[in-house]
Amino acid sequence: MKTVITCKGNNQKAHFDLRFGRAGWFCLIDDESGDPTFIENDQVEVTGGAGVKTAEKMVELGVQKVISGHFGPKAKDLLDKFNIQMVMIDDDDQSISKIIARLNK
């Protein structure tokens, strides 16, 4: 299973980002390898449709779960259509390493 966590930087010390479509980075975790990969979000500066384009990226990556703070209605609809689980966290003061540790429990 592949999981994405939205984040503000490209390493495990980076903080969680509440924004889905406009998060600076995505931490992609493949359960088989367990190794995180960081992917820069190229939708950060677009004028509209960032959530939908980001949801399309999740489908392309073969993600089954996305952990973020807020999903727009169009992004939610697209993620639902492809059966991608959405997990919402409201605390952007957490590091990615702490969230990964919680996933591995």
PDB file of N, CA and C in Angstrom:
ATOM      1  N   MET A   1       0.839  -1.176   0.000  1.00  0.00           N
ATOM      2  CA  MET A   1       0.000   0.000   0.000  1.00  0.00           C
ATOM      3  C   MET A   1       0.886   1.242   0.000  1.00  0.00           C
ATOM      4  N   LYS A   2       0.448   2.256  -0.724  1.00  0.00           N
ATOM      5  CA  LYS A   2       1.184   3.510  -0.762  1.00  0.00           C
ATOM      6  C   LYS A   2       0.382   4.591  -0.039  1.00  0.00           C
ATOM      7  N   THR A   3       1.081   5.343   0.800  1.00  0.00           N
ATOM      8  CA  THR A   3       0.480   6.425   1.573  1.00  0.00           C
ATOM      9  C   THR A   3       1.233   7.711   1.291  1.00  0.00           C
ATOM     10  N   VAL A   4       0.499   8.819   1.175  1.00  0.00           N
ATOM     11  CA  VAL A   4       1.110  10.132   1.015  1.00  0.00           C
ATOM     12  C   VAL A   4       0.750  10.985   2.224  1.00  0.00           C
ATOM     13  N   ILE A   5       1.753  11.704   2.728  1.00  0.00           N
ATOM     14  CA  ILE A   5       1.557  12.685   3.799  1.00  0.00           C
ATOM     15  C   ILE A   5       1.960  14.033   3.227  1.00  0.00           C
ATOM     16  N   THR A   6       1.085  15.029   3.353  1.00  0.00           N
ATOM     17  CA  THR A   6       1.436  16.369   2.864  1.00  0.00           C
ATOM     18  C   THR A   6       2.387  17.022   3.858  1.00  0.00           C
ATOM     19  N   CYS A   7       3.423  17.685   3.325  1.00  0.00           N
ATOM     20  CA  CYS A   7       4.424  18.264   4.212  1.00  0.00           C
ATOM     21  C   CYS A   7       5.017  19.556   3.646  1.00  0.00           C
ATOM     22  N   LYS A   8       5.728  20.259   4.512  1.00  0.00           N
ATOM     23  CA  LYS A   8       6.291  21.567   4.166  1.00  0.00           C
ATOM     24  C   LYS A   8       7.738  21.496   3.693  1.00  0.00           C
ATOM     25  N   GLY A   9       8.332  20.333   3.725  1.00  0.00           N
ATOM     26  CA  GLY A   9       9.725  20.186   3.318  1.00  0.00           C
ATOM     27  C   GLY A   9      10.001  18.806   2.765  1.00  0.00           C
ATOM     28  N   ASN A  10      11.258  18.583   2.395  1.00  0.00           N
ATOM     29  CA  ASN A  10      11.614  17.334   1.710  1.00  0.00           C
ATOM     30  C   ASN A  10      12.412  16.356   2.572  1.00  0.00           C
ATOM     31  N   ASN A  11      12.098  16.328   3.865  1.00  0.00           N
ATOM     32  CA  ASN A  11      12.744  15.356   4.742  1.00  0.00           C
ATOM     33  C   ASN A  11      11.820  15.043   5.917  1.00  0.00           C
ATOM     34  N   GLN A  12      12.185  14.033   6.693  1.00  0.00           N
ATOM     35  CA  GLN A  12      11.318  13.586   7.784  1.00  0.00           C
ATOM     36  C   GLN A  12      11.225  14.572   8.945  1.00  0.00           C
ATOM     37  N   LYS A  13      12.135  15.524   9.009  1.00  0.00           N
ATOM     38  CA  LYS A  13      12.064  16.543  10.051  1.00  0.00           C
ATOM     39  C   LYS A  13      11.090  17.659   9.693  1.00  0.00           C
ATOM     40  N   ALA A  14      10.665  17.692   8.433  1.00  0.00           N
ATOM     41  CA  ALA A  14       9.736  18.729   7.967  1.00  0.00           C
ATOM     42  C   ALA A  14       8.405  18.616   8.700  1.00  0.00           C
ATOM     43  N   HIS A  15       7.712  19.726   8.769  1.00  0.00           N
ATOM     44  CA  HIS A  15       6.410  19.738   9.431  1.00  0.00           C
ATOM     45  C   HIS A  15       5.303  19.333   8.468  1.00  0.00           C
ATOM     46  N   PHE A  16       4.276  18.789   9.039  1.00  0.00           N
ATOM     47  CA  PHE A  16       3.066  18.406   8.335  1.00  0.00           C
ATOM     48  C   PHE A  16       2.420  19.661   7.741  1.00  0.00           C
ATOM     49  N   ASP A  17       1.850  19.549   6.548  1.00  0.00           N
ATOM     50  CA  ASP A  17       1.162  20.668   5.897  1.00  0.00           C
ATOM     51  C   ASP A  17      -0.325  20.359   5.852  1.00  0.00           C
ATOM     52  N   LEU A  18      -1.128  21.270   6.379  1.00  0.00           N
ATOM     53  CA  LEU A  18      -2.577  21.085   6.411  1.00  0.00           C
ATOM     54  C   LEU A  18      -3.217  21.156   5.028  1.00  0.00           C
ATOM     55  N   ARG A  19      -2.522  21.776   4.090  1.00  0.00           N
ATOM     56  CA  ARG A  19      -3.089  21.980   2.754  1.00  0.00           C
ATOM     57  C   ARG A  19      -2.823  20.753   1.890  1.00  0.00           C
ATOM     58  N   PHE A  20      -3.841  20.317   1.175  1.00  0.00           N
ATOM     59  CA  PHE A  20      -3.674  19.184   0.273  1.00  0.00           C
ATOM     60  C   PHE A  20      -3.144  19.660  -1.077  1.00  0.00           C
ATOM     61  N   GLY A  21      -3.914  20.440  -1.785  1.00  0.00           N
ATOM     62  CA  GLY A  21      -3.551  20.860  -3.132  1.00  0.00           C
ATOM     63  C   GLY A  21      -2.366  21.790  -3.205  1.00  0.00           C
ATOM     64  N   ARG A  22      -2.123  22.528  -2.153  1.00  0.00           N
ATOM     65  CA  ARG A  22      -1.042  23.510  -2.169  1.00  0.00           C
ATOM     66  C   ARG A  22       0.087  23.191  -1.178  1.00  0.00           C
ATOM     67  N   ALA A  23       0.132  21.947  -0.730  1.00  0.00           N
ATOM     68  CA  ALA A  23       1.255  21.524   0.116  1.00  0.00           C
ATOM     69  C   ALA A  23       2.534  21.633  -0.701  1.00  0.00           C
ATOM     70  N   GLY A  24       3.609  22.013  -0.054  1.00  0.00           N
ATOM     71  CA  GLY A  24       4.880  22.149  -0.768  1.00  0.00           C
ATOM     72  C   GLY A  24       5.453  20.829  -1.246  1.00  0.00           C
ATOM     73  N   TRP A  25       5.265  19.790  -0.447  1.00  0.00           N
ATOM     74  CA  TRP A  25       5.863  18.481  -0.729  1.00  0.00           C
ATOM     75  C   TRP A  25       4.903  17.367  -0.351  1.00  0.00           C
ATOM     76  N   PHE A  26       5.166  16.188  -0.893  1.00  0.00           N
ATOM     77  CA  PHE A  26       4.456  14.976  -0.523  1.00  0.00           C
ATOM     78  C   PHE A  26       5.481  13.951  -0.072  1.00  0.00           C
ATOM     79  N   CYS A  27       5.217  13.345   1.070  1.00  0.00           N
ATOM     80  CA  CYS A  27       6.037  12.232   1.536  1.00  0.00           C
ATOM     81  C   CYS A  27       5.306  10.958   1.135  1.00  0.00           C
ATOM     82  N   LEU A  28       5.863  10.215   0.198  1.00  0.00           N
ATOM     83  CA  LEU A  28       5.277   8.973  -0.299  1.00  0.00           C
ATOM     84  C   LEU A  28       5.934   7.806   0.418  1.00  0.00           C
ATOM     85  N   ILE A  29       5.110   6.998   1.062  1.00  0.00           N
ATOM     86  CA  ILE A  29       5.613   5.836   1.786  1.00  0.00           C
ATOM     87  C   ILE A  29       5.022   4.577   1.153  1.00  0.00           C
ATOM     88  N   ASP A  30       5.893   3.696   0.731  1.00  0.00           N
ATOM     89  CA  ASP A  30       5.476   2.402   0.188  1.00  0.00           C
ATOM     90  C   ASP A  30       5.641   1.388   1.307  1.00  0.00           C
ATOM     91  N   ASP A  31       4.546   0.738   1.690  1.00  0.00           N
ATOM     92  CA  ASP A  31       4.590  -0.218   2.801  1.00  0.00           C
ATOM     93  C   ASP A  31       5.578  -1.354   2.579  1.00  0.00           C
ATOM     94  N   GLU A  32       5.811  -1.722   1.330  1.00  0.00           N
ATOM     95  CA  GLU A  32       6.733  -2.828   1.054  1.00  0.00           C
ATOM     96  C   GLU A  32       8.168  -2.476   1.419  1.00  0.00           C
ATOM     97  N   SER A  33       8.615  -1.304   0.993  1.00  0.00           N
ATOM     98  CA  SER A  33       9.991  -0.904   1.279  1.00  0.00           C
ATOM     99  C   SER A  33      10.105  -0.162   2.607  1.00  0.00           C
ATOM    100  N   GLY A  34       9.050   0.587   2.966  1.00  0.00           N
ATOM    101  CA  GLY A  34       9.068   1.377   4.189  1.00  0.00           C
ATOM    102  C   GLY A  34       9.843   2.671   4.063  1.00  0.00           C
ATOM    103  N   ASP A  35      10.512   2.856   2.944  1.00  0.00           N
ATOM    104  CA  ASP A  35      11.321   4.052   2.757  1.00  0.00           C
ATOM    105  C   ASP A  35      10.474   5.211   2.240  1.00  0.00           C
ATOM    106  N   PRO A  36      10.604   6.392   2.867  1.00  0.00           N
ATOM    107  CA  PRO A  36       9.874   7.558   2.365  1.00  0.00           C
ATOM    108  C   PRO A  36      10.590   8.191   1.174  1.00  0.00           C
ATOM    109  N   THR A  37       9.804   8.653   0.231  1.00  0.00           N
ATOM    110  CA  THR A  37      10.301   9.393  -0.919  1.00  0.00           C
ATOM    111  C   THR A  37       9.592  10.739  -0.909  1.00  0.00           C
ATOM    112  N   PHE A  38      10.322  11.802  -1.165  1.00  0.00           N
ATOM    113  CA  PHE A  38       9.728  13.139  -1.148  1.00  0.00           C
ATOM    114  C   PHE A  38       9.586  13.660  -2.567  1.00  0.00           C
ATOM    115  N   ILE A  39       8.372  14.116  -2.865  1.00  0.00           N
ATOM    116  CA  ILE A  39       8.028  14.601  -4.199  1.00  0.00           C
ATOM    117  C   ILE A  39       7.552  16.035  -4.079  1.00  0.00           C
ATOM    118  N   GLU A  40       8.161  16.929  -4.841  1.00  0.00           N
ATOM    119  CA  GLU A  40       7.750  18.323  -4.811  1.00  0.00           C
ATOM    120  C   GLU A  40       6.411  18.481  -5.527  1.00  0.00           C
ATOM    121  N   ASN A  41       5.532  19.290  -4.940  1.00  0.00           N
ATOM    122  CA  ASN A  41       4.221  19.539  -5.526  1.00  0.00           C
ATOM    123  C   ASN A  41       4.330  20.662  -6.546  1.00  0.00           C
ATOM    124  N   ASP A  42       4.061  20.362  -7.803  1.00  0.00           N
ATOM    125  CA  ASP A  42       4.160  21.381  -8.846  1.00  0.00           C
ATOM    126  C   ASP A  42       2.868  22.185  -9.003  1.00  0.00           C
ATOM    127  N   GLN A  43       1.900  21.979  -8.110  1.00  0.00           N
ATOM    128  CA  GLN A  43       0.627  22.708  -8.168  1.00  0.00           C
ATOM    129  C   GLN A  43       0.553  23.867  -7.169  1.00  0.00           C
ATOM    130  N   VAL A  44       1.614  24.124  -6.441  1.00  0.00           N
ATOM    131  CA  VAL A  44       1.598  25.123  -5.375  1.00  0.00           C
ATOM    132  C   VAL A  44       1.214  26.512  -5.883  1.00  0.00           C
ATOM    133  N   GLU A  45       1.689  26.892  -7.024  1.00  0.00           N
ATOM    134  CA  GLU A  45       1.497  28.257  -7.517  1.00  0.00           C
ATOM    135  C   GLU A  45       0.398  28.420  -8.561  1.00  0.00           C
ATOM    136  N   VAL A  46      -0.333  27.354  -8.917  1.00  0.00           N
ATOM    137  CA  VAL A  46      -1.369  27.491  -9.942  1.00  0.00           C
ATOM    138  C   VAL A  46      -2.505  28.368  -9.420  1.00  0.00           C
ATOM    139  N   THR A  47      -3.186  29.037 -10.333  1.00  0.00           N
ATOM    140  CA  THR A  47      -4.241  29.966  -9.917  1.00  0.00           C
ATOM    141  C   THR A  47      -5.536  29.267  -9.547  1.00  0.00           C
ATOM    142  N   GLY A  48      -5.788  28.091 -10.056  1.00  0.00           N
ATOM    143  CA  GLY A  48      -7.004  27.367  -9.712  1.00  0.00           C
ATOM    144  C   GLY A  48      -6.869  25.897 -10.027  1.00  0.00           C
ATOM    145  N   GLY A  49      -7.662  25.090  -9.348  1.00  0.00           N
ATOM    146  CA  GLY A  49      -7.678  23.654  -9.621  1.00  0.00           C
ATOM    147  C   GLY A  49      -6.551  22.859  -9.001  1.00  0.00           C
ATOM    148  N   ALA A  50      -5.861  23.429  -8.019  1.00  0.00           N
ATOM    149  CA  ALA A  50      -4.724  22.730  -7.409  1.00  0.00           C
ATOM    150  C   ALA A  50      -5.151  21.417  -6.750  1.00  0.00           C
ATOM    151  N   GLY A  51      -6.294  21.422  -6.074  1.00  0.00           N
ATOM    152  CA  GLY A  51      -6.754  20.221  -5.392  1.00  0.00           C
ATOM    153  C   GLY A  51      -7.051  19.080  -6.350  1.00  0.00           C
ATOM    154  N   VAL A  52      -7.723  19.394  -7.449  1.00  0.00           N
ATOM    155  CA  VAL A  52      -8.061  18.365  -8.440  1.00  0.00           C
ATOM    156  C   VAL A  52      -6.794  17.831  -9.096  1.00  0.00           C
ATOM    157  N   LYS A  53      -5.896  18.729  -9.487  1.00  0.00           N
ATOM    158  CA  LYS A  53      -4.637  18.289 -10.124  1.00  0.00           C
ATOM    159  C   LYS A  53      -3.816  17.431  -9.159  1.00  0.00           C
ATOM    160  N   THR A  54      -3.827  17.802  -7.887  1.00  0.00           N
ATOM    161  CA  THR A  54      -3.089  17.027  -6.894  1.00  0.00           C
ATOM    162  C   THR A  54      -3.745  15.663  -6.689  1.00  0.00           C
ATOM    163  N   ALA A  55      -5.073  15.620  -6.676  1.00  0.00           N
ATOM    164  CA  ALA A  55      -5.776  14.338  -6.570  1.00  0.00           C
ATOM    165  C   ALA A  55      -5.438  13.447  -7.766  1.00  0.00           C
ATOM    166  N   GLU A  56      -5.366  14.047  -8.961  1.00  0.00           N
ATOM    167  CA  GLU A  56      -4.980  13.283 -10.153  1.00  0.00           C
ATOM    168  C   GLU A  56      -3.569  12.719  -9.998  1.00  0.00           C
ATOM    169  N   LYS A  57      -2.679  13.486  -9.386  1.00  0.00           N
ATOM    170  CA  LYS A  57      -1.306  13.032  -9.132  1.00  0.00           C
ATOM    171  C   LYS A  57      -1.307  11.823  -8.193  1.00  0.00           C
ATOM    172  N   MET A  58      -2.185  11.844  -7.188  1.00  0.00           N
ATOM    173  CA  MET A  58      -2.273  10.717  -6.256  1.00  0.00           C
ATOM    174  C   MET A  58      -2.700   9.446  -7.000  1.00  0.00           C
ATOM    175  N   VAL A  59      -3.637   9.600  -7.938  1.00  0.00           N
ATOM    176  CA  VAL A  59      -4.077   8.458  -8.744  1.00  0.00           C
ATOM    177  C   VAL A  59      -2.913   7.942  -9.589  1.00  0.00           C
ATOM    178  N   GLU A  60      -2.168   8.849 -10.224  1.00  0.00           N
ATOM    179  CA  GLU A  60      -1.009   8.465 -11.046  1.00  0.00           C
ATOM    180  C   GLU A  60       0.031   7.710 -10.233  1.00  0.00           C
ATOM    181  N   LEU A  61       0.225   8.132  -8.985  1.00  0.00           N
ATOM    182  CA  LEU A  61       1.221   7.502  -8.114  1.00  0.00           C
ATOM    183  C   LEU A  61       0.746   6.164  -7.553  1.00  0.00           C
ATOM    184  N   GLY A  62      -0.528   5.845  -7.714  1.00  0.00           N
ATOM    185  CA  GLY A  62      -1.060   4.590  -7.192  1.00  0.00           C
ATOM    186  C   GLY A  62      -1.247   4.599  -5.688  1.00  0.00           C
ATOM    187  N   VAL A  63      -1.555   5.761  -5.143  1.00  0.00           N
ATOM    188  CA  VAL A  63      -1.708   5.934  -3.696  1.00  0.00           C
ATOM    189  C   VAL A  63      -3.055   5.369  -3.232  1.00  0.00           C
ATOM    190  N   GLN A  64      -3.069   4.726  -2.062  1.00  0.00           N
ATOM    191  CA  GLN A  64      -4.310   4.231  -1.479  1.00  0.00           C
ATOM    192  C   GLN A  64      -4.776   5.065  -0.295  1.00  0.00           C
ATOM    193  N   LYS A  65      -3.869   5.883   0.287  1.00  0.00           N
ATOM    194  CA  LYS A  65      -4.232   6.693   1.454  1.00  0.00           C
ATOM    195  C   LYS A  65      -3.491   8.019   1.389  1.00  0.00           C
ATOM    196  N   VAL A  66      -4.205   9.112   1.712  1.00  0.00           N
ATOM    197  CA  VAL A  66      -3.595  10.435   1.781  1.00  0.00           C
ATOM    198  C   VAL A  66      -3.877  11.013   3.161  1.00  0.00           C
ATOM    199  N   ILE A  67      -2.824  11.488   3.807  1.00  0.00           N
ATOM    200  CA  ILE A  67      -2.956  12.137   5.110  1.00  0.00           C
ATOM    201  C   ILE A  67      -2.678  13.619   4.906  1.00  0.00           C
ATOM    202  N   SER A  68      -3.683  14.439   5.210  1.00  0.00           N
ATOM    203  CA  SER A  68      -3.576  15.887   5.045  1.00  0.00           C
ATOM    204  C   SER A  68      -4.510  16.549   6.046  1.00  0.00           C
ATOM    205  N   GLY A  69      -4.590  17.854   5.969  1.00  0.00           N
ATOM    206  CA  GLY A  69      -5.459  18.578   6.887  1.00  0.00           C
ATOM    207  C   GLY A  69      -6.807  18.899   6.294  1.00  0.00           C
ATOM    208  N   HIS A  70      -6.800  19.430   5.082  1.00  0.00           N
ATOM    209  CA  HIS A  70      -8.043  19.872   4.451  1.00  0.00           C
ATOM    210  C   HIS A  70      -8.057  19.460   2.988  1.00  0.00           C
ATOM    211  N   PHE A  71      -9.178  18.918   2.556  1.00  0.00           N
ATOM    212  CA  PHE A  71      -9.390  18.537   1.163  1.00  0.00           C
ATOM    213  C   PHE A  71     -10.562  19.354   0.641  1.00  0.00           C
ATOM    214  N   GLY A  72     -10.405  19.948  -0.521  1.00  0.00           N
ATOM    215  CA  GLY A  72     -11.521  20.660  -1.132  1.00  0.00           C
ATOM    216  C   GLY A  72     -12.561  19.676  -1.642  1.00  0.00           C
ATOM    217  N   PRO A  73     -13.794  20.156  -1.893  1.00  0.00           N
ATOM    218  CA  PRO A  73     -14.868  19.250  -2.316  1.00  0.00           C
ATOM    219  C   PRO A  73     -14.593  18.529  -3.638  1.00  0.00           C
ATOM    220  N   LYS A  74     -13.985  19.194  -4.591  1.00  0.00           N
ATOM    221  CA  LYS A  74     -13.697  18.543  -5.879  1.00  0.00           C
ATOM    222  C   LYS A  74     -12.591  17.505  -5.726  1.00  0.00           C
ATOM    223  N   ALA A  75     -11.589  17.821  -4.913  1.00  0.00           N
ATOM    224  CA  ALA A  75     -10.519  16.852  -4.657  1.00  0.00           C
ATOM    225  C   ALA A  75     -11.080  15.637  -3.919  1.00  0.00           C
ATOM    226  N   LYS A  76     -11.954  15.874  -2.934  1.00  0.00           N
ATOM    227  CA  LYS A  76     -12.582  14.771  -2.201  1.00  0.00           C
ATOM    228  C   LYS A  76     -13.348  13.861  -3.150  1.00  0.00           C
ATOM    229  N   ASP A  77     -14.129  14.472  -4.046  1.00  0.00           N
ATOM    230  CA  ASP A  77     -14.911  13.676  -4.992  1.00  0.00           C
ATOM    231  C   ASP A  77     -14.018  12.781  -5.849  1.00  0.00           C
ATOM    232  N   LEU A  78     -12.919  13.336  -6.343  1.00  0.00           N
ATOM    233  CA  LEU A  78     -12.010  12.562  -7.193  1.00  0.00           C
ATOM    234  C   LEU A  78     -11.320  11.456  -6.406  1.00  0.00           C
ATOM    235  N   LEU A  79     -10.874  11.770  -5.200  1.00  0.00           N
ATOM    236  CA  LEU A  79     -10.224  10.749  -4.369  1.00  0.00           C
ATOM    237  C   LEU A  79     -11.214   9.638  -4.023  1.00  0.00           C
ATOM    238  N   ASP A  80     -12.455  10.015  -3.708  1.00  0.00           N
ATOM    239  CA  ASP A  80     -13.497   9.009  -3.441  1.00  0.00           C
ATOM    240  C   ASP A  80     -13.737   8.117  -4.655  1.00  0.00           C
ATOM    241  N   LYS A  81     -13.788   8.738  -5.826  1.00  0.00           N
ATOM    242  CA  LYS A  81     -14.039   7.993  -7.061  1.00  0.00           C
ATOM    243  C   LYS A  81     -13.014   6.878  -7.260  1.00  0.00           C
ATOM    244  N   PHE A  82     -11.761   7.133  -6.849  1.00  0.00           N
ATOM    245  CA  PHE A  82     -10.693   6.151  -7.012  1.00  0.00           C
ATOM    246  C   PHE A  82     -10.396   5.382  -5.719  1.00  0.00           C
ATOM    247  N   ASN A  83     -11.335   5.459  -4.771  1.00  0.00           N
ATOM    248  CA  ASN A  83     -11.226   4.723  -3.499  1.00  0.00           C
ATOM    249  C   ASN A  83      -9.932   5.000  -2.754  1.00  0.00           C
ATOM    250  N   ILE A  84      -9.510   6.251  -2.758  1.00  0.00           N
ATOM    251  CA  ILE A  84      -8.329   6.656  -1.997  1.00  0.00           C
ATOM    252  C   ILE A  84      -8.803   7.194  -0.652  1.00  0.00           C
ATOM    253  N   GLN A  85      -8.338   6.559   0.392  1.00  0.00           N
ATOM    254  CA  GLN A  85      -8.737   6.943   1.748  1.00  0.00           C
ATOM    255  C   GLN A  85      -8.136   8.291   2.119  1.00  0.00           C
ATOM    256  N   MET A  86      -8.937   9.156   2.737  1.00  0.00           N
ATOM    257  CA  MET A  86      -8.469  10.456   3.201  1.00  0.00           C
ATOM    258  C   MET A  86      -8.467  10.467   4.720  1.00  0.00           C
ATOM    259  N   VAL A  87      -7.324  10.783   5.298  1.00  0.00           N
ATOM    260  CA  VAL A  87      -7.180  10.890   6.742  1.00  0.00           C
ATOM    261  C   VAL A  87      -6.831  12.341   7.045  1.00  0.00           C
ATOM    262  N   MET A  88      -7.630  12.967   7.910  1.00  0.00           N
ATOM    263  CA  MET A  88      -7.399  14.378   8.221  1.00  0.00           C
ATOM    264  C   MET A  88      -6.806  14.539   9.609  1.00  0.00           C
ATOM    265  N   ILE A  89      -5.770  15.364   9.667  1.00  0.00           N
ATOM    266  CA  ILE A  89      -5.118  15.723  10.919  1.00  0.00           C
ATOM    267  C   ILE A  89      -5.155  17.246  11.001  1.00  0.00           C
ATOM    268  N   ASP A  90      -5.500  17.785  12.156  1.00  0.00           N
ATOM    269  CA  ASP A  90      -5.602  19.236  12.302  1.00  0.00           C
ATOM    270  C   ASP A  90      -4.382  19.889  12.945  1.00  0.00           C
ATOM    271  N   ASP A  91      -3.339  19.135  13.213  1.00  0.00           N
ATOM    272  CA  ASP A  91      -2.169  19.652  13.929  1.00  0.00           C
ATOM    273  C   ASP A  91      -0.974  19.764  12.987  1.00  0.00           C
ATOM    274  N   ASP A  92      -0.678  20.999  12.547  1.00  0.00           N
ATOM    275  CA  ASP A  92       0.454  21.177  11.627  1.00  0.00           C
ATOM    276  C   ASP A  92       1.779  21.370  12.353  1.00  0.00           C
ATOM    277  N   ASP A  93       1.795  21.115  13.646  1.00  0.00           N
ATOM    278  CA  ASP A  93       3.021  21.242  14.431  1.00  0.00           C
ATOM    279  C   ASP A  93       3.748  19.896  14.545  1.00  0.00           C
ATOM    280  N   GLN A  94       3.256  18.880  13.884  1.00  0.00           N
ATOM    281  CA  GLN A  94       3.880  17.559  13.932  1.00  0.00           C
ATOM    282  C   GLN A  94       4.908  17.404  12.827  1.00  0.00           C
ATOM    283  N   SER A  95       5.948  16.665  13.113  1.00  0.00           N
ATOM    284  CA  SER A  95       6.930  16.356  12.076  1.00  0.00           C
ATOM    285  C   SER A  95       6.460  15.130  11.304  1.00  0.00           C
ATOM    286  N   ILE A  96       6.982  14.987  10.112  1.00  0.00           N
ATOM    287  CA  ILE A  96       6.646  13.833   9.291  1.00  0.00           C
ATOM    288  C   ILE A  96       7.102  12.548   9.967  1.00  0.00           C
ATOM    289  N   SER A  97       8.243  12.579  10.630  1.00  0.00           N
ATOM    290  CA  SER A  97       8.723  11.370  11.315  1.00  0.00           C
ATOM    291  C   SER A  97       7.752  10.904  12.399  1.00  0.00           C
ATOM    292  N   LYS A  98       7.119  11.829  13.103  1.00  0.00           N
ATOM    293  CA  LYS A  98       6.135  11.454  14.137  1.00  0.00           C
ATOM    294  C   LYS A  98       4.901  10.814  13.512  1.00  0.00           C
ATOM    295  N   ILE A  99       4.462  11.349  12.382  1.00  0.00           N
ATOM    296  CA  ILE A  99       3.295  10.779  11.707  1.00  0.00           C
ATOM    297  C   ILE A  99       3.630   9.383  11.177  1.00  0.00           C
ATOM    298  N   ILE A 100       4.825   9.229  10.609  1.00  0.00           N
ATOM    299  CA  ILE A 100       5.250   7.908  10.118  1.00  0.00           C
ATOM    300  C   ILE A 100       5.302   6.912  11.273  1.00  0.00           C
ATOM    301  N   ALA A 101       5.816   7.340  12.417  1.00  0.00           N
ATOM    302  CA  ALA A 101       5.887   6.455  13.589  1.00  0.00           C
ATOM    303  C   ALA A 101       4.485   6.002  14.012  1.00  0.00           C
ATOM    304  N   ARG A 102       3.511   6.908  13.945  1.00  0.00           N
ATOM    305  CA  ARG A 102       2.124   6.553  14.285  1.00  0.00           C
ATOM    306  C   ARG A 102       1.559   5.565  13.270  1.00  0.00           C
ATOM    307  N   LEU A 103       1.932   5.685  12.016  1.00  0.00           N
ATOM    308  CA  LEU A 103       1.458   4.762  10.983  1.00  0.00           C
ATOM    309  C   LEU A 103       1.982   3.353  11.223  1.00  0.00           C
ATOM    310  N   ASN A 104       3.190   3.263  11.755  1.00  0.00           N
ATOM    311  CA  ASN A 104       3.847   1.964  11.930  1.00  0.00           C
ATOM    312  C   ASN A 104       3.462   1.239  13.203  1.00  0.00           C
ATOM    313  N   LYS A 105       2.578   1.834  13.997  1.00  0.00           N
ATOM    314  CA  LYS A 105       2.152   1.178  15.243  1.00  0.00           C
ATOM    315  C   LYS A 105       1.179   0.076  14.960  1.00  0.00           C
TER     316      LYS A 105
END
